[in-house]
């Protein structure tokens, strides 16, 4: 199992270590280990948090429209050139 320390995770996400400390005290962010006072994050937990944090992405379709990605393949939101949304 690969672990990152607070400093390494802060560098990976380009954020301050203080932000990670605040997240831990607010019970947000990835789960962590605290072993003899040292905070460690398992790589698998970091990746799981990153996946859970993914938001809709826009994908170009062949018809020139963009649709917002969804966790549900049955629902796609497309935007026409007039800015209106259509659900399919």
N, C-alpha and C. Protein backbone atom coordinates (compact mmCIF):
# COMPACT_ATOMS: atom_id res chain seq x y z
N UNK A 1 0.85 -1.18 0.00
CA UNK A 1 0.00 0.00 0.00
C UNK A 1 0.89 1.23 0.00
N UNK A 2 0.60 2.15 -0.89
CA UNK A 2 1.37 3.38 -1.00
C UNK A 2 0.70 4.46 -0.16
N UNK A 3 1.50 5.19 0.60
CA UNK A 3 0.99 6.26 1.45
C UNK A 3 1.64 7.59 1.07
N UNK A 4 0.88 8.67 1.24
CA UNK A 4 1.43 10.01 1.10
C UNK A 4 1.26 10.72 2.43
N UNK A 5 2.24 11.53 2.78
CA UNK A 5 2.12 12.38 3.95
C UNK A 5 1.34 13.63 3.58
N UNK A 6 1.07 14.43 4.60
CA UNK A 6 0.32 15.67 4.38
C UNK A 6 1.02 16.58 3.38
N UNK A 7 2.31 16.71 3.49
CA UNK A 7 3.07 17.59 2.59
C UNK A 7 2.97 17.11 1.14
N UNK A 8 3.11 15.80 0.95
CA UNK A 8 3.05 15.25 -0.42
C UNK A 8 1.65 15.42 -1.03
N UNK A 9 0.61 15.22 -0.22
CA UNK A 9 -0.74 15.39 -0.74
C UNK A 9 -1.02 16.86 -1.05
N UNK A 10 -0.56 17.75 -0.19
CA UNK A 10 -0.73 19.19 -0.44
C UNK A 10 -0.04 19.57 -1.75
N UNK A 11 1.13 19.02 -2.00
CA UNK A 11 1.84 19.30 -3.26
C UNK A 11 1.08 18.71 -4.44
N UNK A 12 0.57 17.50 -4.30
CA UNK A 12 -0.17 16.85 -5.39
C UNK A 12 -1.37 17.70 -5.80
N UNK A 13 -2.10 18.22 -4.82
CA UNK A 13 -3.31 19.00 -5.11
C UNK A 13 -3.05 20.50 -5.17
N UNK A 14 -1.80 20.91 -5.03
CA UNK A 14 -1.41 22.32 -5.08
C UNK A 14 -2.25 23.16 -4.12
N UNK A 15 -2.27 22.72 -2.88
CA UNK A 15 -2.98 23.45 -1.84
C UNK A 15 -2.09 23.49 -0.60
N UNK A 16 -2.49 24.28 0.36
CA UNK A 16 -1.67 24.39 1.57
C UNK A 16 -1.91 23.21 2.50
N UNK A 17 -0.92 22.93 3.29
CA UNK A 17 -1.07 21.90 4.31
C UNK A 17 -2.14 22.30 5.32
N UNK A 18 -2.27 23.61 5.56
CA UNK A 18 -3.27 24.10 6.50
C UNK A 18 -4.68 23.75 6.04
N UNK A 19 -4.90 23.74 4.73
CA UNK A 19 -6.22 23.36 4.20
C UNK A 19 -6.51 21.91 4.55
N UNK A 20 -5.54 21.04 4.34
CA UNK A 20 -5.74 19.63 4.69
C UNK A 20 -5.98 19.46 6.19
N UNK A 21 -5.27 20.24 7.01
CA UNK A 21 -5.48 20.18 8.46
C UNK A 21 -6.91 20.61 8.81
N UNK A 22 -7.39 21.67 8.17
CA UNK A 22 -8.75 22.15 8.43
C UNK A 22 -9.76 21.13 7.97
N UNK A 23 -9.53 20.52 6.81
CA UNK A 23 -10.44 19.49 6.31
C UNK A 23 -10.55 18.34 7.32
N UNK A 24 -9.40 17.94 7.89
CA UNK A 24 -9.44 16.84 8.86
C UNK A 24 -10.25 17.24 10.08
N UNK A 25 -10.07 18.45 10.57
CA UNK A 25 -10.81 18.87 11.76
C UNK A 25 -12.30 19.05 11.46
N UNK A 26 -12.64 19.36 10.20
CA UNK A 26 -14.05 19.51 9.78
C UNK A 26 -14.65 18.20 9.27
N UNK A 27 -13.87 17.12 9.32
CA UNK A 27 -14.31 15.79 8.85
C UNK A 27 -14.72 15.80 7.38
N UNK A 28 -13.93 16.48 6.56
CA UNK A 28 -14.12 16.43 5.11
C UNK A 28 -12.79 16.01 4.49
N UNK A 29 -12.81 15.72 3.21
CA UNK A 29 -11.59 15.28 2.54
C UNK A 29 -11.44 13.78 2.61
N UNK A 30 -10.32 13.28 2.11
CA UNK A 30 -10.10 11.83 2.10
C UNK A 30 -9.86 11.30 3.51
N UNK A 31 -10.19 10.04 3.71
CA UNK A 31 -9.89 9.41 5.00
C UNK A 31 -8.38 9.35 5.18
N UNK A 32 -7.95 9.29 6.42
CA UNK A 32 -6.52 9.30 6.70
C UNK A 32 -6.21 8.37 7.85
N UNK A 33 -4.95 8.04 7.95
CA UNK A 33 -4.44 7.26 9.07
C UNK A 33 -3.68 8.21 9.99
N UNK A 34 -3.77 7.99 11.26
CA UNK A 34 -2.93 8.73 12.19
C UNK A 34 -2.22 7.71 13.06
N UNK A 35 -0.95 7.54 12.77
CA UNK A 35 -0.13 6.54 13.44
C UNK A 35 0.97 7.25 14.22
N UNK A 36 0.90 7.14 15.54
CA UNK A 36 1.88 7.77 16.42
C UNK A 36 2.07 9.24 16.11
N UNK A 37 0.95 9.92 15.85
CA UNK A 37 0.98 11.36 15.61
C UNK A 37 1.25 11.76 14.17
N UNK A 38 1.56 10.80 13.33
CA UNK A 38 1.85 11.10 11.92
C UNK A 38 0.63 10.83 11.08
N UNK A 39 0.25 11.81 10.24
CA UNK A 39 -0.90 11.68 9.36
C UNK A 39 -0.45 11.13 8.02
N UNK A 40 -1.12 10.06 7.59
CA UNK A 40 -0.83 9.43 6.31
C UNK A 40 -2.13 9.23 5.54
N UNK A 41 -2.04 9.36 4.23
CA UNK A 41 -3.17 9.12 3.35
C UNK A 41 -2.82 7.96 2.43
N UNK A 42 -3.68 6.94 2.39
CA UNK A 42 -3.45 5.83 1.47
C UNK A 42 -3.75 6.30 0.05
N UNK A 43 -2.92 5.88 -0.89
CA UNK A 43 -3.09 6.29 -2.28
C UNK A 43 -4.46 5.89 -2.81
N UNK A 44 -4.95 4.71 -2.44
CA UNK A 44 -6.27 4.26 -2.92
C UNK A 44 -7.37 5.17 -2.39
N UNK A 45 -7.23 5.69 -1.17
CA UNK A 45 -8.23 6.60 -0.62
C UNK A 45 -8.18 7.97 -1.29
N UNK A 46 -6.97 8.40 -1.63
CA UNK A 46 -6.82 9.68 -2.36
C UNK A 46 -7.51 9.57 -3.71
N UNK A 47 -7.25 8.48 -4.43
CA UNK A 47 -7.87 8.31 -5.75
C UNK A 47 -9.39 8.18 -5.63
N UNK A 48 -9.87 7.50 -4.61
CA UNK A 48 -11.32 7.36 -4.42
C UNK A 48 -11.95 8.73 -4.15
N UNK A 49 -11.28 9.56 -3.36
CA UNK A 49 -11.79 10.91 -3.09
C UNK A 49 -11.80 11.74 -4.37
N UNK A 50 -10.76 11.61 -5.17
CA UNK A 50 -10.70 12.35 -6.43
C UNK A 50 -11.84 11.93 -7.36
N UNK A 51 -12.10 10.65 -7.46
CA UNK A 51 -13.19 10.16 -8.31
C UNK A 51 -14.53 10.67 -7.79
N UNK A 52 -14.72 10.61 -6.48
CA UNK A 52 -15.98 11.07 -5.89
C UNK A 52 -16.16 12.58 -6.07
N UNK A 53 -15.07 13.31 -6.27
CA UNK A 53 -15.12 14.76 -6.43
C UNK A 53 -15.32 15.19 -7.88
N UNK A 54 -15.31 14.24 -8.81
CA UNK A 54 -15.50 14.60 -10.22
C UNK A 54 -16.85 15.24 -10.42
N UNK A 55 -16.88 16.28 -11.20
CA UNK A 55 -18.12 16.96 -11.56
C UNK A 55 -18.34 16.76 -13.05
N UNK A 56 -19.51 17.14 -13.55
CA UNK A 56 -19.84 16.95 -14.96
C UNK A 56 -18.80 17.55 -15.88
N UNK A 57 -18.47 16.82 -16.91
CA UNK A 57 -17.54 17.32 -17.91
C UNK A 57 -18.28 17.46 -19.22
N UNK A 58 -17.83 18.36 -20.04
CA UNK A 58 -18.48 18.58 -21.32
C UNK A 58 -17.74 17.80 -22.41
N UNK A 59 -18.51 17.09 -23.21
CA UNK A 59 -17.96 16.24 -24.25
C UNK A 59 -18.52 16.71 -25.58
N UNK A 60 -17.66 16.92 -26.54
CA UNK A 60 -18.09 17.36 -27.87
C UNK A 60 -18.71 16.19 -28.62
N UNK A 61 -19.91 16.40 -29.16
CA UNK A 61 -20.58 15.38 -29.97
C UNK A 61 -20.38 15.70 -31.44
N UNK A 62 -20.57 14.73 -32.29
CA UNK A 62 -20.40 14.90 -33.73
C UNK A 62 -21.32 15.95 -34.33
N UNK A 63 -22.45 16.26 -33.68
CA UNK A 63 -23.40 17.23 -34.23
C UNK A 63 -23.06 18.66 -33.81
N UNK A 64 -21.91 18.87 -33.20
CA UNK A 64 -21.49 20.21 -32.84
C UNK A 64 -22.03 20.67 -31.50
N UNK A 65 -22.86 19.87 -30.85
CA UNK A 65 -23.39 20.25 -29.55
C UNK A 65 -22.52 19.65 -28.46
N UNK A 66 -22.56 20.28 -27.32
CA UNK A 66 -21.84 19.76 -26.17
C UNK A 66 -22.86 19.21 -25.20
N UNK A 67 -22.51 18.12 -24.54
CA UNK A 67 -23.40 17.60 -23.51
C UNK A 67 -22.62 17.45 -22.23
N UNK A 68 -23.33 17.57 -21.13
CA UNK A 68 -22.70 17.45 -19.84
C UNK A 68 -22.71 15.99 -19.44
N UNK A 69 -21.55 15.47 -19.08
CA UNK A 69 -21.46 14.09 -18.65
C UNK A 69 -22.29 13.88 -17.40
N UNK A 70 -22.80 12.69 -17.25
CA UNK A 70 -23.65 12.36 -16.11
C UNK A 70 -23.24 11.01 -15.59
N UNK A 71 -23.47 10.80 -14.31
CA UNK A 71 -23.18 9.48 -13.76
C UNK A 71 -24.18 8.46 -14.28
N UNK A 72 -25.30 8.94 -14.81
CA UNK A 72 -26.31 8.07 -15.37
C UNK A 72 -26.24 8.13 -16.89
N UNK A 73 -25.92 7.02 -17.57
CA UNK A 73 -25.80 7.07 -19.02
C UNK A 73 -27.13 7.32 -19.72
N UNK A 74 -28.25 7.17 -19.00
CA UNK A 74 -29.55 7.35 -19.63
C UNK A 74 -29.91 8.82 -19.79
N UNK A 75 -29.22 9.73 -19.08
CA UNK A 75 -29.57 11.14 -19.10
C UNK A 75 -28.40 11.95 -19.62
N UNK A 76 -28.64 12.70 -20.66
CA UNK A 76 -27.62 13.61 -21.18
C UNK A 76 -28.26 14.97 -21.33
N UNK A 77 -27.56 16.01 -20.95
CA UNK A 77 -28.05 17.37 -21.09
C UNK A 77 -27.28 18.00 -22.23
N UNK A 78 -27.98 18.46 -23.24
CA UNK A 78 -27.32 19.10 -24.36
C UNK A 78 -27.72 20.56 -24.39
N UNK A 79 -26.83 21.39 -24.85
CA UNK A 79 -27.09 22.82 -24.95
C UNK A 79 -27.08 23.20 -26.43
N UNK A 80 -28.14 23.86 -26.84
CA UNK A 80 -28.20 24.31 -28.22
C UNK A 80 -27.44 25.62 -28.35
N UNK A 81 -27.28 26.11 -29.57
CA UNK A 81 -26.55 27.35 -29.79
C UNK A 81 -27.27 28.53 -29.16
N UNK A 82 -28.58 28.41 -28.90
CA UNK A 82 -29.31 29.50 -28.27
C UNK A 82 -29.16 29.48 -26.75
N UNK A 83 -28.48 28.46 -26.22
CA UNK A 83 -28.23 28.38 -24.79
C UNK A 83 -29.28 27.60 -24.02
N UNK A 84 -30.33 27.13 -24.69
CA UNK A 84 -31.34 26.35 -24.00
C UNK A 84 -30.83 24.94 -23.76
N UNK A 85 -31.42 24.28 -22.77
CA UNK A 85 -31.01 22.92 -22.46
C UNK A 85 -32.08 21.95 -22.91
N UNK A 86 -31.65 20.82 -23.42
CA UNK A 86 -32.56 19.75 -23.79
C UNK A 86 -32.08 18.50 -23.10
N UNK A 87 -33.02 17.72 -22.60
CA UNK A 87 -32.67 16.47 -21.92
C UNK A 87 -33.01 15.31 -22.82
N UNK A 88 -32.10 14.35 -22.89
CA UNK A 88 -32.37 13.16 -23.70
C UNK A 88 -31.93 11.93 -22.96
